[in-house]
Structure formats: C-alpha cells, structure tokens
Amino acid sequence: MNIYDFTVKDVDEREVSLSEYAGKVLLIVNIATHCGFTPQLAGLQQLYDTYRDKGFEILAFPCNQFGQQAPGTNAEIHEFCSAKFHTTFPQFGKIDVNGDNESPLYTYLKAQRGGVGNPNIKWNFTKFLVNPSGEVVKRFGSTKTPEAMTADIEKLLQD
C-alpha cells in the first residue's frame, strides 16, 4: 500500500484518486484560514511556483479540528486561500485528521510517520513529504516553514 491507493474528495466533493499524482513529489498539508500559521500559505505557493514544473505538487486539506480555525464551506475556504494568498495548488474538501471521523489518508500518513510519542496531528499546517514512489519520507510540524523544506524537496526531485 502507498499514498496512491487513496481516494479523496476535492472542493466540489468529487472523488479524486491520488494515483493521479503518481511519480511526483508531494507535500500534503492540513490547512486553516484563521490560524497563526495561515500566512504559510504564501510560502507554500512560492514552493509550488518554484518546483511544480519539476514534478512537485502540494495537496492541501482544510481541517477545522484545531480551535475551529477553518470555518466555512469548502468553496469559502478555497476562495479565501486563492484571494488572500493567491494559491493555485490543489485544495481538497475539509477533513478530520484525528479521531473517529479522521480521513483514511491521514490514518495512513500518521502510521507511516507518527509524531514523537503520539502519532496524532497536533495542529494546523502539519506537513508530510512523499517521494515519487508514494512513500511518506518525512513529517514536519506546524512551525516548520515552507522555505525550510526546500533542501528536502530538491533532494527528492533529483533522486
């Protein structure tokens, strides 16, 4: 099993197979619109602009589980991100990343790269880096800025 075995819903609730991203380096991140880390959306877009033509994709999943910091519908969240931060990377439907209703994708991500002592996602903007073979190779906490992941992304793009 790898990341490409999962299907998720896009902002319009349509099913999307992650196999569409096979062979690419992926950064999967749970986002929020009213969080202290929300300005990371600008840094994520910069990464996307720099590396998307080299086989890099960012997959953003809004999550309202942490302080209710992603209120609104999928469409409202998408509009906020694209209007305020000019995001163009793929954004999917709102999900849970922990608990009884957590997305199977996040169950898998956490099983592959659990946190120190506790695999649960601690906050918004936790990031998972996936190699072109669909293997989860790194997990970054909320405080890790997109700019600080450049070397890790470049290494995977060169492999």
C-alpha atoms as a PDB file:
ATOM      1  CA  MET A   1       0.000   0.000   0.000  1.00  0.00           C
ATOM      2  CA  ASN A   2       1.125   3.546  -0.699  1.00  0.00           C
ATOM      3  CA  ILE A   3      -0.321   7.023  -0.989  1.00  0.00           C
ATOM      4  CA  TYR A   4      -1.629   6.341  -4.499  1.00  0.00           C
ATOM      5  CA  ASP A   5      -4.124   3.792  -3.173  1.00  0.00           C
ATOM      6  CA  PHE A   6      -6.262   6.538  -1.599  1.00  0.00           C
ATOM      7  CA  THR A   7      -9.190   8.467  -2.958  1.00  0.00           C
ATOM      8  CA  VAL A   8     -10.133  11.871  -1.519  1.00  0.00           C
ATOM      9  CA  LYS A   9     -12.779  14.481  -2.256  1.00  0.00           C
ATOM     10  CA  ASP A  10     -11.996  17.746  -3.982  1.00  0.00           C
ATOM     11  CA  VAL A  11     -13.571  21.094  -3.044  1.00  0.00           C
ATOM     12  CA  ASP A  12     -16.655  20.154  -5.088  1.00  0.00           C
ATOM     13  CA  GLU A  13     -16.976  16.768  -3.307  1.00  0.00           C
ATOM     14  CA  ARG A  14     -15.861  14.833  -6.395  1.00  0.00           C
ATOM     15  CA  GLU A  15     -13.742  11.726  -5.846  1.00  0.00           C
ATOM     16  CA  VAL A  16     -10.084  12.129  -6.799  1.00  0.00           C
ATOM     17  CA  SER A  17      -7.650   9.227  -6.861  1.00  0.00           C
ATOM     18  CA  LEU A  18      -4.234  10.167  -5.546  1.00  0.00           C
ATOM     19  CA  SER A  19      -2.869   7.880  -8.271  1.00  0.00           C
ATOM     20  CA  GLU A  20      -3.265  10.997 -10.459  1.00  0.00           C
ATOM     21  CA  TYR A  21      -0.140  12.260  -8.676  1.00  0.00           C
ATOM     22  CA  ALA A  22       1.948   9.099  -9.150  1.00  0.00           C
ATOM     23  CA  GLY A  23       5.591   9.826  -9.886  1.00  0.00           C
ATOM     24  CA  LYS A  24       5.535  13.273  -8.273  1.00  0.00           C
ATOM     25  CA  VAL A  25       6.992  14.597  -5.055  1.00  0.00           C
ATOM     26  CA  LEU A  26       4.055  15.534  -2.825  1.00  0.00           C
ATOM     27  CA  LEU A  27       3.702  17.798   0.169  1.00  0.00           C
ATOM     28  CA  ILE A  28       0.437  17.035   1.982  1.00  0.00           C
ATOM     29  CA  VAL A  29      -0.676  19.656   4.487  1.00  0.00           C
ATOM     30  CA  ASN A  30      -3.717  20.303   6.678  1.00  0.00           C
ATOM     31  CA  ILE A  31      -4.565  23.978   6.331  1.00  0.00           C
ATOM     32  CA  ALA A  32      -6.730  26.519   8.134  1.00  0.00           C
ATOM     33  CA  THR A  33      -7.851  30.043   7.319  1.00  0.00           C
ATOM     34  CA  HIS A  34      -7.875  31.629  10.795  1.00  0.00           C
ATOM     35  CA  CYS A  35      -4.651  30.290  12.300  1.00  0.00           C
ATOM     36  CA  GLY A  36      -1.384  31.921  13.274  1.00  0.00           C
ATOM     37  CA  PHE A  37       0.258  29.647  10.691  1.00  0.00           C
ATOM     38  CA  THR A  38      -2.131  30.646   7.868  1.00  0.00           C
ATOM     39  CA  PRO A  39       0.500  33.005   6.356  1.00  0.00           C
ATOM     40  CA  GLN A  40       2.431  29.824   5.487  1.00  0.00           C
ATOM     41  CA  LEU A  41       0.048  29.605   2.522  1.00  0.00           C
ATOM     42  CA  ALA A  42       2.186  32.275   0.830  1.00  0.00           C
ATOM     43  CA  GLY A  43       5.341  30.217   1.393  1.00  0.00           C
ATOM     44  CA  LEU A  44       3.610  27.076   0.168  1.00  0.00           C
ATOM     45  CA  GLN A  45       2.580  28.902  -3.010  1.00  0.00           C
ATOM     46  CA  GLN A  46       6.181  30.027  -3.503  1.00  0.00           C
ATOM     47  CA  LEU A  47       7.354  26.405  -3.232  1.00  0.00           C
ATOM     48  CA  TYR A  48       4.676  25.384  -5.705  1.00  0.00           C
ATOM     49  CA  ASP A  49       5.650  28.111  -8.167  1.00  0.00           C
ATOM     50  CA  THR A  50       9.320  27.124  -7.914  1.00  0.00           C
ATOM     51  CA  TYR A  51       9.003  23.341  -8.204  1.00  0.00           C
ATOM     52  CA  ARG A  52       5.708  22.369  -9.852  1.00  0.00           C
ATOM     53  CA  ASP A  53       7.271  22.198 -13.324  1.00  0.00           C
ATOM     54  CA  LYS A  54       9.869  19.789 -11.911  1.00  0.00           C
ATOM     55  CA  GLY A  55       7.340  17.235 -10.630  1.00  0.00           C
ATOM     56  CA  PHE A  56       6.196  18.729  -7.303  1.00  0.00           C
ATOM     57  CA  GLU A  57       2.626  19.045  -6.012  1.00  0.00           C
ATOM     58  CA  ILE A  58       1.115  20.413  -2.834  1.00  0.00           C
ATOM     59  CA  LEU A  59      -2.123  18.798  -1.676  1.00  0.00           C
ATOM     60  CA  ALA A  60      -3.962  20.982   0.849  1.00  0.00           C
ATOM     61  CA  PHE A  61      -6.686  19.655   3.134  1.00  0.00           C
ATOM     62  CA  PRO A  62      -8.656  22.163   5.220  1.00  0.00           C
ATOM     63  CA  CYS A  63      -9.261  20.968   8.770  1.00  0.00           C
ATOM     64  CA  ASN A  64     -11.459  22.616  11.381  1.00  0.00           C
ATOM     65  CA  GLN A  65     -10.416  20.404  14.318  1.00  0.00           C
ATOM     66  CA  PHE A  66      -7.962  22.822  15.915  1.00  0.00           C
ATOM     67  CA  GLY A  67      -9.621  25.827  17.517  1.00  0.00           C
ATOM     68  CA  GLN A  68     -12.311  25.913  14.809  1.00  0.00           C
ATOM     69  CA  GLN A  69      -9.771  27.774  12.648  1.00  0.00           C
ATOM     70  CA  ALA A  70     -11.135  26.593   9.288  1.00  0.00           C
ATOM     71  CA  PRO A  71     -14.790  27.634   9.427  1.00  0.00           C
ATOM     72  CA  GLY A  72     -16.863  27.884   6.310  1.00  0.00           C
ATOM     73  CA  THR A  73     -17.619  25.703   3.347  1.00  0.00           C
ATOM     74  CA  ASN A  74     -15.079  24.162   1.006  1.00  0.00           C
ATOM     75  CA  ALA A  75     -15.867  26.904  -1.513  1.00  0.00           C
ATOM     76  CA  GLU A  76     -15.426  29.688   1.064  1.00  0.00           C
ATOM     77  CA  ILE A  77     -12.100  28.287   2.241  1.00  0.00           C
ATOM     78  CA  HIS A  78     -10.882  27.881  -1.332  1.00  0.00           C
ATOM     79  CA  GLU A  79     -11.929  31.452  -2.170  1.00  0.00           C
ATOM     80  CA  PHE A  80     -10.132  32.807   0.922  1.00  0.00           C
ATOM     81  CA  CYS A  81      -6.894  30.981   0.086  1.00  0.00           C
ATOM     82  CA  SER A  82      -6.875  31.976  -3.561  1.00  0.00           C
ATOM     83  CA  ALA A  83      -7.930  35.605  -2.981  1.00  0.00           C
ATOM     84  CA  LYS A  84      -5.729  36.397   0.022  1.00  0.00           C
ATOM     85  CA  PHE A  85      -2.691  34.208  -0.710  1.00  0.00           C
ATOM     86  CA  HIS A  86      -3.100  33.610  -4.483  1.00  0.00           C
ATOM     87  CA  THR A  87      -2.875  29.852  -4.020  1.00  0.00           C
ATOM     88  CA  THR A  88      -3.080  27.712  -7.142  1.00  0.00           C
ATOM     89  CA  PHE A  89      -2.042  24.315  -5.739  1.00  0.00           C
ATOM     90  CA  PRO A  90      -4.721  21.629  -5.370  1.00  0.00           C
ATOM     91  CA  GLN A  91      -7.059  22.082  -2.440  1.00  0.00           C
ATOM     92  CA  PHE A  92      -9.404  19.340  -1.358  1.00  0.00           C
ATOM     93  CA  GLY A  93     -12.522  19.089   0.780  1.00  0.00           C
ATOM     94  CA  LYS A  94     -12.464  19.720   4.509  1.00  0.00           C
ATOM     95  CA  ILE A  95     -11.472  16.657   6.553  1.00  0.00           C
ATOM     96  CA  ASP A  96     -10.707  15.479  10.068  1.00  0.00           C
ATOM     97  CA  VAL A  97      -7.097  14.467  10.665  1.00  0.00           C
ATOM     98  CA  ASN A  98      -7.618  12.887  14.091  1.00  0.00           C
ATOM     99  CA  GLY A  99     -10.370  10.976  15.862  1.00  0.00           C
ATOM    100  CA  ASP A 100     -13.309   8.816  14.952  1.00  0.00           C
ATOM    101  CA  ASN A 101     -14.002  10.581  11.649  1.00  0.00           C
ATOM    102  CA  GLU A 102     -10.418  11.037  10.513  1.00  0.00           C
ATOM    103  CA  SER A 103      -9.651  10.682   6.855  1.00  0.00           C
ATOM    104  CA  PRO A 104      -8.208   7.254   5.941  1.00  0.00           C
ATOM    105  CA  LEU A 105      -5.441   9.171   4.165  1.00  0.00           C
ATOM    106  CA  TYR A 106      -4.394  10.742   7.458  1.00  0.00           C
ATOM    107  CA  THR A 107      -4.638   7.425   9.293  1.00  0.00           C
ATOM    108  CA  TYR A 108      -2.121   6.137   6.743  1.00  0.00           C
ATOM    109  CA  LEU A 109       0.132   9.211   6.882  1.00  0.00           C
ATOM    110  CA  LYS A 110       0.330   9.051  10.666  1.00  0.00           C
ATOM    111  CA  ALA A 111       1.037   5.308  10.592  1.00  0.00           C
ATOM    112  CA  GLN A 112       3.952   5.958   8.240  1.00  0.00           C
ATOM    113  CA  ARG A 113       5.405   8.956  10.057  1.00  0.00           C
ATOM    114  CA  GLY A 114       3.951   9.272  13.536  1.00  0.00           C
ATOM    115  CA  GLY A 115       4.834  12.136  15.809  1.00  0.00           C
ATOM    116  CA  VAL A 116       7.202  11.793  18.741  1.00  0.00           C
ATOM    117  CA  GLY A 117       5.360   9.637  21.278  1.00  0.00           C
ATOM    118  CA  ASN A 118       1.940  10.429  19.778  1.00  0.00           C
ATOM    119  CA  PRO A 119       1.086   9.993  16.104  1.00  0.00           C
ATOM    120  CA  ASN A 120      -1.853  12.408  16.215  1.00  0.00           C
ATOM    121  CA  ILE A 121      -1.664  15.663  14.336  1.00  0.00           C
ATOM    122  CA  LYS A 122      -1.045  18.372  16.915  1.00  0.00           C
ATOM    123  CA  TRP A 123      -2.144  21.453  14.948  1.00  0.00           C
ATOM    124  CA  ASN A 124      -2.840  23.016  11.590  1.00  0.00           C
ATOM    125  CA  PHE A 125      -0.111  23.069   8.932  1.00  0.00           C
ATOM    126  CA  THR A 126       1.441  19.701   9.761  1.00  0.00           C
ATOM    127  CA  LYS A 127       3.168  18.587   6.567  1.00  0.00           C
ATOM    128  CA  PHE A 128       4.034  15.196   5.078  1.00  0.00           C
ATOM    129  CA  LEU A 129       6.607  14.833   2.305  1.00  0.00           C
ATOM    130  CA  VAL A 130       6.039  11.944  -0.102  1.00  0.00           C
ATOM    131  CA  ASN A 131       8.570  10.639  -2.638  1.00  0.00           C
ATOM    132  CA  PRO A 132       7.693   9.841  -6.285  1.00  0.00           C
ATOM    133  CA  SER A 133       7.133   6.170  -5.365  1.00  0.00           C
ATOM    134  CA  GLY A 134       4.338   7.159  -2.975  1.00  0.00           C
ATOM    135  CA  GLU A 135       6.301   6.571   0.240  1.00  0.00           C
ATOM    136  CA  VAL A 136       5.947   9.030   3.121  1.00  0.00           C
ATOM    137  CA  VAL A 137       9.523  10.081   3.854  1.00  0.00           C
ATOM    138  CA  LYS A 138       9.212  12.994   6.316  1.00  0.00           C
ATOM    139  CA  ARG A 139       6.799  14.707   8.650  1.00  0.00           C
ATOM    140  CA  PHE A 140       7.120  18.354   9.592  1.00  0.00           C
ATOM    141  CA  GLY A 141       5.330  20.123  12.433  1.00  0.00           C
ATOM    142  CA  SER A 142       3.403  23.353  12.122  1.00  0.00           C
ATOM    143  CA  THR A 143       6.366  25.553  12.953  1.00  0.00           C
ATOM    144  CA  LYS A 144       8.477  24.227  10.053  1.00  0.00           C
ATOM    145  CA  THR A 145       8.166  26.909   7.398  1.00  0.00           C
ATOM    146  CA  PRO A 146       7.760  26.000   3.749  1.00  0.00           C
ATOM    147  CA  GLU A 147      11.059  27.735   2.976  1.00  0.00           C
ATOM    148  CA  ALA A 148      12.858  25.459   5.446  1.00  0.00           C
ATOM    149  CA  MET A 149      11.773  22.383   3.442  1.00  0.00           C
ATOM    150  CA  THR A 150      13.472  23.420   0.190  1.00  0.00           C
ATOM    151  CA  ALA A 151      16.510  21.140   0.546  1.00  0.00           C
ATOM    152  CA  ASP A 152      14.324  18.099   1.316  1.00  0.00           C
ATOM    153  CA  ILE A 153      12.127  18.786  -1.709  1.00  0.00           C
ATOM    154  CA  GLU A 154      15.086  19.366  -4.036  1.00  0.00           C
ATOM    155  CA  LYS A 155      16.725  16.127  -2.915  1.00  0.00           C
ATOM    156  CA  LEU A 156      13.596  14.115  -3.755  1.00  0.00           C
ATOM    157  CA  LEU A 157      13.216  15.854  -7.095  1.00  0.00           C
ATOM    158  CA  GLN A 158      16.795  14.907  -8.005  1.00  0.00           C
ATOM    159  CA  ASP A 159      16.582  11.252  -6.920  1.00  0.00           C
END
